[in-house]
Structure formats: structure tokens, C-alpha cells
Amino acid sequence: PRRRWERVGTLDGAIIIDDYAHNAAKVAAVVGAARQ
């Protein structure tokens, strides 16, 4: 769904993602996903 690991676009080859995470467990999950 939107704002849950939503791929927004790119900038000079970088990928831009948006996520609604707002508490510690959710933020940790998003950081883990980004590391993947």
C-alpha cells in the first residue's frame, strides 16, 4: 500500500522510498528492509 515501502522514484541513480513507520519496532523493520 502507499506509504508502506512505497517506491517514490529515483535521483541520480539512487532509489527513493517512503514509509509510514513511526514507532521503534516499525522503524527497525524499515531499516532492516533497506539493508536488504
PDB file of all heavy atoms in Angstrom:
ATOM      1  N   PRO A   1       0.836  -1.200   0.000  1.00  0.00           N
ATOM      2  CA  PRO A   1       0.000   0.000   0.000  1.00  0.00           C
ATOM      3  C   PRO A   1       0.872   1.253   0.000  1.00  0.00           C
ATOM      4  O   PRO A   1       2.077   1.192   0.265  1.00  0.00           O
ATOM      5  CB  PRO A   1      -0.779  -0.111   1.316  1.00  0.00           C
ATOM      6  CG  PRO A   1       0.103  -0.930   2.203  1.00  0.00           C
ATOM      7  CD  PRO A   1       0.842  -1.879   1.301  1.00  0.00           C
ATOM      8  N   ARG A   2       0.273   2.376  -0.283  1.00  0.00           N
ATOM      9  CA  ARG A   2       1.031   3.628  -0.271  1.00  0.00           C
ATOM     10  C   ARG A   2       1.571   3.913   1.122  1.00  0.00           C
ATOM     11  O   ARG A   2       0.942   3.610   2.122  1.00  0.00           O
ATOM     12  CB  ARG A   2       0.153   4.785  -0.738  1.00  0.00           C
ATOM     13  CG  ARG A   2      -0.135   4.723  -2.227  1.00  0.00           C
ATOM     14  CD  ARG A   2      -0.852   5.957  -2.710  1.00  0.00           C
ATOM     15  NE  ARG A   2      -1.383   5.735  -4.048  1.00  0.00           N
ATOM     16  CZ  ARG A   2      -2.315   6.487  -4.607  1.00  0.00           C
ATOM     17  NH1 ARG A   2      -2.824   7.503  -3.934  1.00  0.00           N
ATOM     18  NH2 ARG A   2      -2.756   6.225  -5.821  1.00  0.00           N
ATOM     19  N   ARG A   3       2.752   4.493   1.126  1.00  0.00           N
ATOM     20  CA  ARG A   3       3.462   4.870   2.348  1.00  0.00           C
ATOM     21  C   ARG A   3       3.890   3.663   3.168  1.00  0.00           C
ATOM     22  O   ARG A   3       4.228   3.799   4.347  1.00  0.00           O
ATOM     23  CB  ARG A   3       2.663   5.851   3.221  1.00  0.00           C
ATOM     24  CG  ARG A   3       2.354   7.187   2.577  1.00  0.00           C
ATOM     25  CD  ARG A   3       2.630   8.355   3.524  1.00  0.00           C
ATOM     26  NE  ARG A   3       4.026   8.411   3.937  1.00  0.00           N
ATOM     27  CZ  ARG A   3       4.446   8.878   5.109  1.00  0.00           C
ATOM     28  NH1 ARG A   3       3.575   9.314   5.994  1.00  0.00           N
ATOM     29  NH2 ARG A   3       5.728   8.905   5.412  1.00  0.00           N
ATOM     30  N   ARG A   4       3.895   2.486   2.598  1.00  0.00           N
ATOM     31  CA  ARG A   4       4.491   1.303   3.224  1.00  0.00           C
ATOM     32  C   ARG A   4       5.505   0.746   2.224  1.00  0.00           C
ATOM     33  O   ARG A   4       5.134   0.077   1.268  1.00  0.00           O
ATOM     34  CB  ARG A   4       3.446   0.241   3.564  1.00  0.00           C
ATOM     35  CG  ARG A   4       2.796   0.435   4.943  1.00  0.00           C
ATOM     36  CD  ARG A   4       1.899   1.633   4.986  1.00  0.00           C
ATOM     37  NE  ARG A   4       1.165   1.772   6.247  1.00  0.00           N
ATOM     38  CZ  ARG A   4       0.307   2.740   6.494  1.00  0.00           C
ATOM     39  NH1 ARG A   4       0.068   3.669   5.574  1.00  0.00           N
ATOM     40  NH2 ARG A   4      -0.311   2.814   7.650  1.00  0.00           N
ATOM     41  N   TRP A   5       6.780   1.115   2.432  1.00  0.00           N
ATOM     42  CA  TRP A   5       7.840   0.794   1.483  1.00  0.00           C
ATOM     43  C   TRP A   5       7.403   1.159   0.064  1.00  0.00           C
ATOM     44  O   TRP A   5       7.477   0.385  -0.871  1.00  0.00           O
ATOM     45  CB  TRP A   5       8.271  -0.668   1.584  1.00  0.00           C
ATOM     46  CG  TRP A   5       9.617  -0.896   0.945  1.00  0.00           C
ATOM     47  CD1 TRP A   5       9.860  -1.408  -0.291  1.00  0.00           C
ATOM     48  CD2 TRP A   5      10.897  -0.564   1.489  1.00  0.00           C
ATOM     49  NE1 TRP A   5      11.209  -1.419  -0.557  1.00  0.00           N
ATOM     50  CE2 TRP A   5      11.874  -0.912   0.532  1.00  0.00           C
ATOM     51  CE3 TRP A   5      11.328  -0.001   2.687  1.00  0.00           C
ATOM     52  CZ2 TRP A   5      13.235  -0.724   0.738  1.00  0.00           C
ATOM     53  CZ3 TRP A   5      12.684   0.181   2.908  1.00  0.00           C
ATOM     54  CH2 TRP A   5      13.620  -0.180   1.939  1.00  0.00           C
ATOM     55  N   GLU A   6       6.939   2.375  -0.075  1.00  0.00           N
ATOM     56  CA  GLU A   6       6.471   2.861  -1.367  1.00  0.00           C
ATOM     57  C   GLU A   6       7.643   3.419  -2.166  1.00  0.00           C
ATOM     58  O   GLU A   6       8.334   4.339  -1.713  1.00  0.00           O
ATOM     59  CB  GLU A   6       5.423   3.946  -1.185  1.00  0.00           C
ATOM     60  CG  GLU A   6       4.892   4.501  -2.500  1.00  0.00           C
ATOM     61  CD  GLU A   6       3.925   5.644  -2.309  1.00  0.00           C
ATOM     62  OE1 GLU A   6       3.688   6.051  -1.152  1.00  0.00           O
ATOM     63  OE2 GLU A   6       3.407   6.154  -3.326  1.00  0.00           O
ATOM     64  N   ARG A   7       7.860   2.875  -3.339  1.00  0.00           N
ATOM     65  CA  ARG A   7       8.928   3.369  -4.203  1.00  0.00           C
ATOM     66  C   ARG A   7       8.445   4.654  -4.879  1.00  0.00           C
ATOM     67  O   ARG A   7       7.555   4.622  -5.728  1.00  0.00           O
ATOM     68  CB  ARG A   7       9.324   2.320  -5.227  1.00  0.00           C
ATOM     69  CG  ARG A   7      10.496   2.764  -6.106  1.00  0.00           C
ATOM     70  CD  ARG A   7      11.157   1.597  -6.777  1.00  0.00           C
ATOM     71  NE  ARG A   7      12.242   2.039  -7.657  1.00  0.00           N
ATOM     72  CZ  ARG A   7      13.239   1.265  -8.049  1.00  0.00           C
ATOM     73  NH1 ARG A   7      13.288   0.004  -7.640  1.00  0.00           N
ATOM     74  NH2 ARG A   7      14.184   1.734  -8.839  1.00  0.00           N
ATOM     75  N   VAL A   8       9.059   5.774  -4.501  1.00  0.00           N
ATOM     76  CA  VAL A   8       8.614   7.085  -4.957  1.00  0.00           C
ATOM     77  C   VAL A   8       9.226   7.438  -6.302  1.00  0.00           C
ATOM     78  O   VAL A   8       8.577   8.043  -7.168  1.00  0.00           O
ATOM     79  CB  VAL A   8       8.980   8.161  -3.907  1.00  0.00           C
ATOM     80  CG1 VAL A   8       8.588   9.551  -4.393  1.00  0.00           C
ATOM     81  CG2 VAL A   8       8.309   7.848  -2.581  1.00  0.00           C
ATOM     82  N   GLY A   9      10.498   7.085  -6.489  1.00  0.00           N
ATOM     83  CA  GLY A   9      11.185   7.429  -7.728  1.00  0.00           C
ATOM     84  C   GLY A   9      12.680   7.299  -7.545  1.00  0.00           C
ATOM     85  O   GLY A   9      13.153   6.553  -6.676  1.00  0.00           O
ATOM     86  N   THR A  10      13.442   8.042  -8.325  1.00  0.00           N
ATOM     87  CA  THR A  10      14.904   7.975  -8.266  1.00  0.00           C
ATOM     88  C   THR A  10      15.493   9.380  -8.329  1.00  0.00           C
ATOM     89  O   THR A  10      14.839  10.337  -8.761  1.00  0.00           O
ATOM     90  CB  THR A  10      15.484   7.138  -9.417  1.00  0.00           C
ATOM     91  OG1 THR A  10      15.117   7.734 -10.666  1.00  0.00           O
ATOM     92  CG2 THR A  10      14.960   5.701  -9.371  1.00  0.00           C
ATOM     93  N   LEU A  11      16.755   9.489  -7.916  1.00  0.00           N
ATOM     94  CA  LEU A  11      17.520  10.720  -8.021  1.00  0.00           C
ATOM     95  C   LEU A  11      18.965  10.355  -8.328  1.00  0.00           C
ATOM     96  O   LEU A  11      19.649   9.762  -7.478  1.00  0.00           O
ATOM     97  CB  LEU A  11      17.445  11.530  -6.722  1.00  0.00           C
ATOM     98  CG  LEU A  11      18.334  12.784  -6.661  1.00  0.00           C
ATOM     99  CD1 LEU A  11      17.883  13.820  -7.698  1.00  0.00           C
ATOM    100  CD2 LEU A  11      18.327  13.390  -5.260  1.00  0.00           C
ATOM    101  N   ASP A  12      19.412  10.625  -9.531  1.00  0.00           N
ATOM    102  CA  ASP A  12      20.795  10.352  -9.950  1.00  0.00           C
ATOM    103  C   ASP A  12      21.206   8.913  -9.648  1.00  0.00           C
ATOM    104  O   ASP A  12      22.318   8.649  -9.184  1.00  0.00           O
ATOM    105  CB  ASP A  12      21.762  11.320  -9.263  1.00  0.00           C
ATOM    106  CG  ASP A  12      21.537  12.770  -9.681  1.00  0.00           C
ATOM    107  OD1 ASP A  12      20.938  12.986 -10.753  1.00  0.00           O
ATOM    108  OD2 ASP A  12      21.943  13.668  -8.935  1.00  0.00           O
ATOM    109  N   GLY A  13      20.305   7.977  -9.891  1.00  0.00           N
ATOM    110  CA  GLY A  13      20.601   6.566  -9.683  1.00  0.00           C
ATOM    111  C   GLY A  13      20.247   6.041  -8.304  1.00  0.00           C
ATOM    112  O   GLY A  13      20.204   4.821  -8.088  1.00  0.00           O
ATOM    113  N   ALA A  14      20.002   6.923  -7.365  1.00  0.00           N
ATOM    114  CA  ALA A  14      19.566   6.496  -6.026  1.00  0.00           C
ATOM    115  C   ALA A  14      18.071   6.183  -6.053  1.00  0.00           C
ATOM    116  O   ALA A  14      17.297   6.829  -6.758  1.00  0.00           O
ATOM    117  CB  ALA A  14      19.844   7.585  -5.005  1.00  0.00           C
ATOM    118  N   ILE A  15      17.676   5.173  -5.266  1.00  0.00           N
ATOM    119  CA  ILE A  15      16.261   4.814  -5.132  1.00  0.00           C
ATOM    120  C   ILE A  15      15.675   5.575  -3.951  1.00  0.00           C
ATOM    121  O   ILE A  15      16.292   5.651  -2.879  1.00  0.00           O
ATOM    122  CB  ILE A  15      16.101   3.296  -4.927  1.00  0.00           C
ATOM    123  CG1 ILE A  15      16.595   2.532  -6.155  1.00  0.00           C
ATOM    124  CG2 ILE A  15      14.651   2.941  -4.636  1.00  0.00           C
ATOM    125  CD1 ILE A  15      16.653   1.040  -5.943  1.00  0.00           C
ATOM    126  N   ILE A  16      14.473   6.114  -4.129  1.00  0.00           N
ATOM    127  CA  ILE A  16      13.803   6.857  -3.063  1.00  0.00           C
ATOM    128  C   ILE A  16      12.564   6.084  -2.622  1.00  0.00           C
ATOM    129  O   ILE A  16      11.698   5.768  -3.434  1.00  0.00           O
ATOM    130  CB  ILE A  16      13.430   8.268  -3.520  1.00  0.00           C
ATOM    131  CG1 ILE A  16      14.692   9.036  -3.935  1.00  0.00           C
ATOM    132  CG2 ILE A  16      12.698   9.021  -2.404  1.00  0.00           C
ATOM    133  CD1 ILE A  16      14.399  10.346  -4.611  1.00  0.00           C
ATOM    134  N   ILE A  17      12.520   5.782  -1.332  1.00  0.00           N
ATOM    135  CA  ILE A  17      11.433   5.009  -0.724  1.00  0.00           C
ATOM    136  C   ILE A  17      10.763   5.858   0.338  1.00  0.00           C
ATOM    137  O   ILE A  17      11.419   6.657   1.015  1.00  0.00           O
ATOM    138  CB  ILE A  17      11.983   3.712  -0.084  1.00  0.00           C
ATOM    139  CG1 ILE A  17      12.729   2.836  -1.106  1.00  0.00           C
ATOM    140  CG2 ILE A  17      10.867   2.928   0.613  1.00  0.00           C
ATOM    141  CD1 ILE A  17      11.856   2.217  -2.163  1.00  0.00           C
ATOM    142  N   ASP A  18       9.463   5.668   0.526  1.00  0.00           N
ATOM    143  CA  ASP A  18       8.753   6.344   1.610  1.00  0.00           C
ATOM    144  C   ASP A  18       8.040   5.301   2.465  1.00  0.00           C
ATOM    145  O   ASP A  18       7.474   4.338   1.938  1.00  0.00           O
ATOM    146  CB  ASP A  18       7.731   7.338   1.053  1.00  0.00           C
ATOM    147  CG  ASP A  18       6.956   8.046   2.156  1.00  0.00           C
ATOM    148  OD1 ASP A  18       7.597   8.613   3.057  1.00  0.00           O
ATOM    149  OD2 ASP A  18       5.707   8.011   2.125  1.00  0.00           O
ATOM    150  N   ASP A  19       8.078   5.492   3.785  1.00  0.00           N
ATOM    151  CA  ASP A  19       7.417   4.545   4.684  1.00  0.00           C
ATOM    152  C   ASP A  19       6.840   5.280   5.891  1.00  0.00           C
ATOM    153  O   ASP A  19       7.452   6.209   6.426  1.00  0.00           O
ATOM    154  CB  ASP A  19       8.385   3.464   5.158  1.00  0.00           C
ATOM    155  CG  ASP A  19       7.664   2.241   5.684  1.00  0.00           C
ATOM    156  OD1 ASP A  19       7.222   2.269   6.850  1.00  0.00           O
ATOM    157  OD2 ASP A  19       7.522   1.263   4.930  1.00  0.00           O
ATOM    158  N   TYR A  20       5.671   4.824   6.318  1.00  0.00           N
ATOM    159  CA  TYR A  20       4.887   5.444   7.389  1.00  0.00           C
ATOM    160  C   TYR A  20       5.387   5.078   8.788  1.00  0.00           C
ATOM    161  O   TYR A  20       4.838   5.549   9.784  1.00  0.00           O
ATOM    162  CB  TYR A  20       3.432   4.992   7.216  1.00  0.00           C
ATOM    163  CG  TYR A  20       2.399   5.676   8.063  1.00  0.00           C
ATOM    164  CD1 TYR A  20       2.020   6.989   7.825  1.00  0.00           C
ATOM    165  CD2 TYR A  20       1.752   4.993   9.096  1.00  0.00           C
ATOM    166  CE1 TYR A  20       1.041   7.611   8.580  1.00  0.00           C
ATOM    167  CE2 TYR A  20       0.765   5.601   9.860  1.00  0.00           C
ATOM    168  CZ  TYR A  20       0.417   6.907   9.600  1.00  0.00           C
ATOM    169  OH  TYR A  20      -0.560   7.515  10.349  1.00  0.00           O
ATOM    170  N   ALA A  21       6.407   4.262   8.915  1.00  0.00           N
ATOM    171  CA  ALA A  21       6.868   3.757  10.221  1.00  0.00           C
ATOM    172  C   ALA A  21       7.060   4.908  11.208  1.00  0.00           C
ATOM    173  O   ALA A  21       7.711   5.901  10.887  1.00  0.00           O
ATOM    174  CB  ALA A  21       8.165   2.985  10.047  1.00  0.00           C
ATOM    175  N   HIS A  22       6.539   4.747  12.414  1.00  0.00           N
ATOM    176  CA  HIS A  22       6.622   5.837  13.374  1.00  0.00           C
ATOM    177  C   HIS A  22       6.856   5.388  14.809  1.00  0.00           C
ATOM    178  O   HIS A  22       6.885   6.221  15.714  1.00  0.00           O
ATOM    179  CB  HIS A  22       5.352   6.698  13.307  1.00  0.00           C
ATOM    180  CG  HIS A  22       4.083   5.914  13.440  1.00  0.00           C
ATOM    181  ND1 HIS A  22       3.510   5.282  12.359  1.00  0.00           N
ATOM    182  CD2 HIS A  22       3.298   5.654  14.495  1.00  0.00           C
ATOM    183  CE1 HIS A  22       2.401   4.675  12.768  1.00  0.00           C
ATOM    184  NE2 HIS A  22       2.257   4.882  14.053  1.00  0.00           N
ATOM    185  N   ASN A  23       6.998   4.088  15.057  1.00  0.00           N
ATOM    186  CA  ASN A  23       7.466   3.664  16.374  1.00  0.00           C
ATOM    187  C   ASN A  23       8.707   2.794  16.203  1.00  0.00           C
ATOM    188  O   ASN A  23       9.080   2.427  15.086  1.00  0.00           O
ATOM    189  CB  ASN A  23       6.360   2.963  17.182  1.00  0.00           C
ATOM    190  CG  ASN A  23       5.867   1.688  16.532  1.00  0.00           C
ATOM    191  OD1 ASN A  23       6.621   0.963  15.900  1.00  0.00           O
ATOM    192  ND2 ASN A  23       4.583   1.403  16.694  1.00  0.00           N
ATOM    193  N   ALA A  24       9.361   2.476  17.302  1.00  0.00           N
ATOM    194  CA  ALA A  24      10.696   1.879  17.234  1.00  0.00           C
ATOM    195  C   ALA A  24      10.722   0.558  16.476  1.00  0.00           C
ATOM    196  O   ALA A  24      11.622   0.322  15.662  1.00  0.00           O
ATOM    197  CB  ALA A  24      11.253   1.701  18.643  1.00  0.00           C
ATOM    198  N   ALA A  25       9.745  -0.301  16.728  1.00  0.00           N
ATOM    199  CA  ALA A  25       9.742  -1.607  16.061  1.00  0.00           C
ATOM    200  C   ALA A  25       9.551  -1.443  14.553  1.00  0.00           C
ATOM    201  O   ALA A  25      10.199  -2.136  13.755  1.00  0.00           O
ATOM    202  CB  ALA A  25       8.649  -2.494  16.651  1.00  0.00           C
ATOM    203  N   LYS A  26       8.667  -0.540  14.168  1.00  0.00           N
ATOM    204  CA  LYS A  26       8.431  -0.315  12.736  1.00  0.00           C
ATOM    205  C   LYS A  26       9.656   0.309  12.068  1.00  0.00           C
ATOM    206  O   LYS A  26      10.026  -0.061  10.950  1.00  0.00           O
ATOM    207  CB  LYS A  26       7.219   0.591  12.546  1.00  0.00           C
ATOM    208  CG  LYS A  26       5.901  -0.024  12.998  1.00  0.00           C
ATOM    209  CD  LYS A  26       4.769   0.979  12.915  1.00  0.00           C
ATOM    210  CE  LYS A  26       3.468   0.372  13.409  1.00  0.00           C
ATOM    211  NZ  LYS A  26       2.354   1.341  13.436  1.00  0.00           N
ATOM    212  N   VAL A  27      10.286   1.261  12.757  1.00  0.00           N
ATOM    213  CA  VAL A  27      11.472   1.902  12.197  1.00  0.00           C
ATOM    214  C   VAL A  27      12.586   0.876  12.018  1.00  0.00           C
ATOM    215  O   VAL A  27      13.268   0.840  10.983  1.00  0.00           O
ATOM    216  CB  VAL A  27      11.923   3.071  13.090  1.00  0.00           C
ATOM    217  CG1 VAL A  27      13.279   3.605  12.641  1.00  0.00           C
ATOM    218  CG2 VAL A  27      10.882   4.193  13.068  1.00  0.00           C
ATOM    219  N   ALA A  28      12.766   0.004  13.019  1.00  0.00           N
ATOM    220  CA  ALA A  28      13.788  -1.041  12.906  1.00  0.00           C
ATOM    221  C   ALA A  28      13.511  -1.950  11.714  1.00  0.00           C
ATOM    222  O   ALA A  28      14.441  -2.355  11.002  1.00  0.00           O
ATOM    223  CB  ALA A  28      13.835  -1.859  14.199  1.00  0.00           C
ATOM    224  N   ALA A  29      12.239  -2.278  11.492  1.00  0.00           N
ATOM    225  CA  ALA A  29      11.888  -3.148  10.361  1.00  0.00           C
ATOM    226  C   ALA A  29      12.202  -2.467   9.034  1.00  0.00           C
ATOM    227  O   ALA A  29      12.705  -3.100   8.097  1.00  0.00           O
ATOM    228  CB  ALA A  29      10.401  -3.508  10.430  1.00  0.00           C
ATOM    229  N   VAL A  30      11.935  -1.168   8.941  1.00  0.00           N
ATOM    230  CA  VAL A  30      12.220  -0.433   7.705  1.00  0.00           C
ATOM    231  C   VAL A  30      13.720  -0.355   7.458  1.00  0.00           C
ATOM    232  O   VAL A  30      14.186  -0.536   6.319  1.00  0.00           O
ATOM    233  CB  VAL A  30      11.602   0.980   7.769  1.00  0.00           C
ATOM    234  CG1 VAL A  30      12.123   1.856   6.637  1.00  0.00           C
ATOM    235  CG2 VAL A  30      10.092   0.892   7.691  1.00  0.00           C
ATOM    236  N   VAL A  31      14.494  -0.088   8.498  1.00  0.00           N
ATOM    237  CA  VAL A  31      15.946  -0.038   8.339  1.00  0.00           C
ATOM    238  C   VAL A  31      16.474  -1.406   7.894  1.00  0.00           C
ATOM    239  O   VAL A  31      17.334  -1.508   7.017  1.00  0.00           O
ATOM    240  CB  VAL A  31      16.628   0.429   9.639  1.00  0.00           C
ATOM    241  CG1 VAL A  31      18.147   0.340   9.514  1.00  0.00           C
ATOM    242  CG2 VAL A  31      16.217   1.864   9.978  1.00  0.00           C
ATOM    243  N   GLY A  32      15.921  -2.477   8.470  1.00  0.00           N
ATOM    244  CA  GLY A  32      16.314  -3.818   8.053  1.00  0.00           C
ATOM    245  C   GLY A  32      15.981  -4.095   6.603  1.00  0.00           C
ATOM    246  O   GLY A  32      16.769  -4.705   5.877  1.00  0.00           O
ATOM    247  N   ALA A  33      14.802  -3.645   6.174  1.00  0.00           N
ATOM    248  CA  ALA A  33      14.417  -3.810   4.770  1.00  0.00           C
ATOM    249  C   ALA A  33      15.366  -3.040   3.856  1.00  0.00           C
ATOM    250  O   ALA A  33      15.768  -3.532   2.794  1.00  0.00           O
ATOM    251  CB  ALA A  33      12.979  -3.337   4.569  1.00  0.00           C
ATOM    252  N   ALA A  34      15.744  -1.837   4.270  1.00  0.00           N
ATOM    253  CA  ALA A  34      16.667  -1.034   3.467  1.00  0.00           C
ATOM    254  C   ALA A  34      18.034  -1.709   3.350  1.00  0.00           C
ATOM    255  O   ALA A  34      18.667  -1.685   2.287  1.00  0.00           O
ATOM    256  CB  ALA A  34      16.809   0.357   4.084  1.00  0.00           C
ATOM    257  N   ARG A  35      18.474  -2.340   4.413  1.00  0.00           N
ATOM    258  CA  ARG A  35      19.757  -3.041   4.380  1.00  0.00           C
ATOM    259  C   ARG A  35      19.708  -4.212   3.392  1.00  0.00           C
ATOM    260  O   ARG A  35      20.706  -4.550   2.752  1.00  0.00           O
ATOM    261  CB  ARG A  35      20.143  -3.548   5.765  1.00  0.00           C
ATOM    262  CG  ARG A  35      20.428  -2.450   6.787  1.00  0.00           C
ATOM    263  CD  ARG A  35      21.806  -2.615   7.401  1.00  0.00           C
ATOM    264  NE  ARG A  35      22.849  -2.447   6.396  1.00  0.00           N
ATOM    265  CZ  ARG A  35      23.461  -1.285   6.121  1.00  0.00           C
ATOM    266  NH1 ARG A  35      23.126  -0.203   6.784  1.00  0.00           N
ATOM    267  NH2 ARG A  35      24.391  -1.210   5.199  1.00  0.00           N
ATOM    268  N   GLN A  36      18.542  -4.829   3.242  1.00  0.00           N
ATOM    269  CA  GLN A  36      18.409  -5.958   2.321  1.00  0.00           C
ATOM    270  C   GLN A  36      18.649  -5.544   0.875  1.00  0.00           C
ATOM    271  O   GLN A  36      19.001  -6.379   0.035  1.00  0.00           O
ATOM    272  CB  GLN A  36      17.020  -6.591   2.463  1.00  0.00           C
ATOM    273  CG  GLN A  36      16.841  -7.882   1.653  1.00  0.00           C
ATOM    274  CD  GLN A  36      15.501  -8.552   1.885  1.00  0.00           C
ATOM    275  OE1 GLN A  36      15.021  -8.594   3.023  1.00  0.00           O
ATOM    276  NE2 GLN A  36      14.881  -9.065   0.841  1.00  0.00           N
TER     277      GLN A  36
END
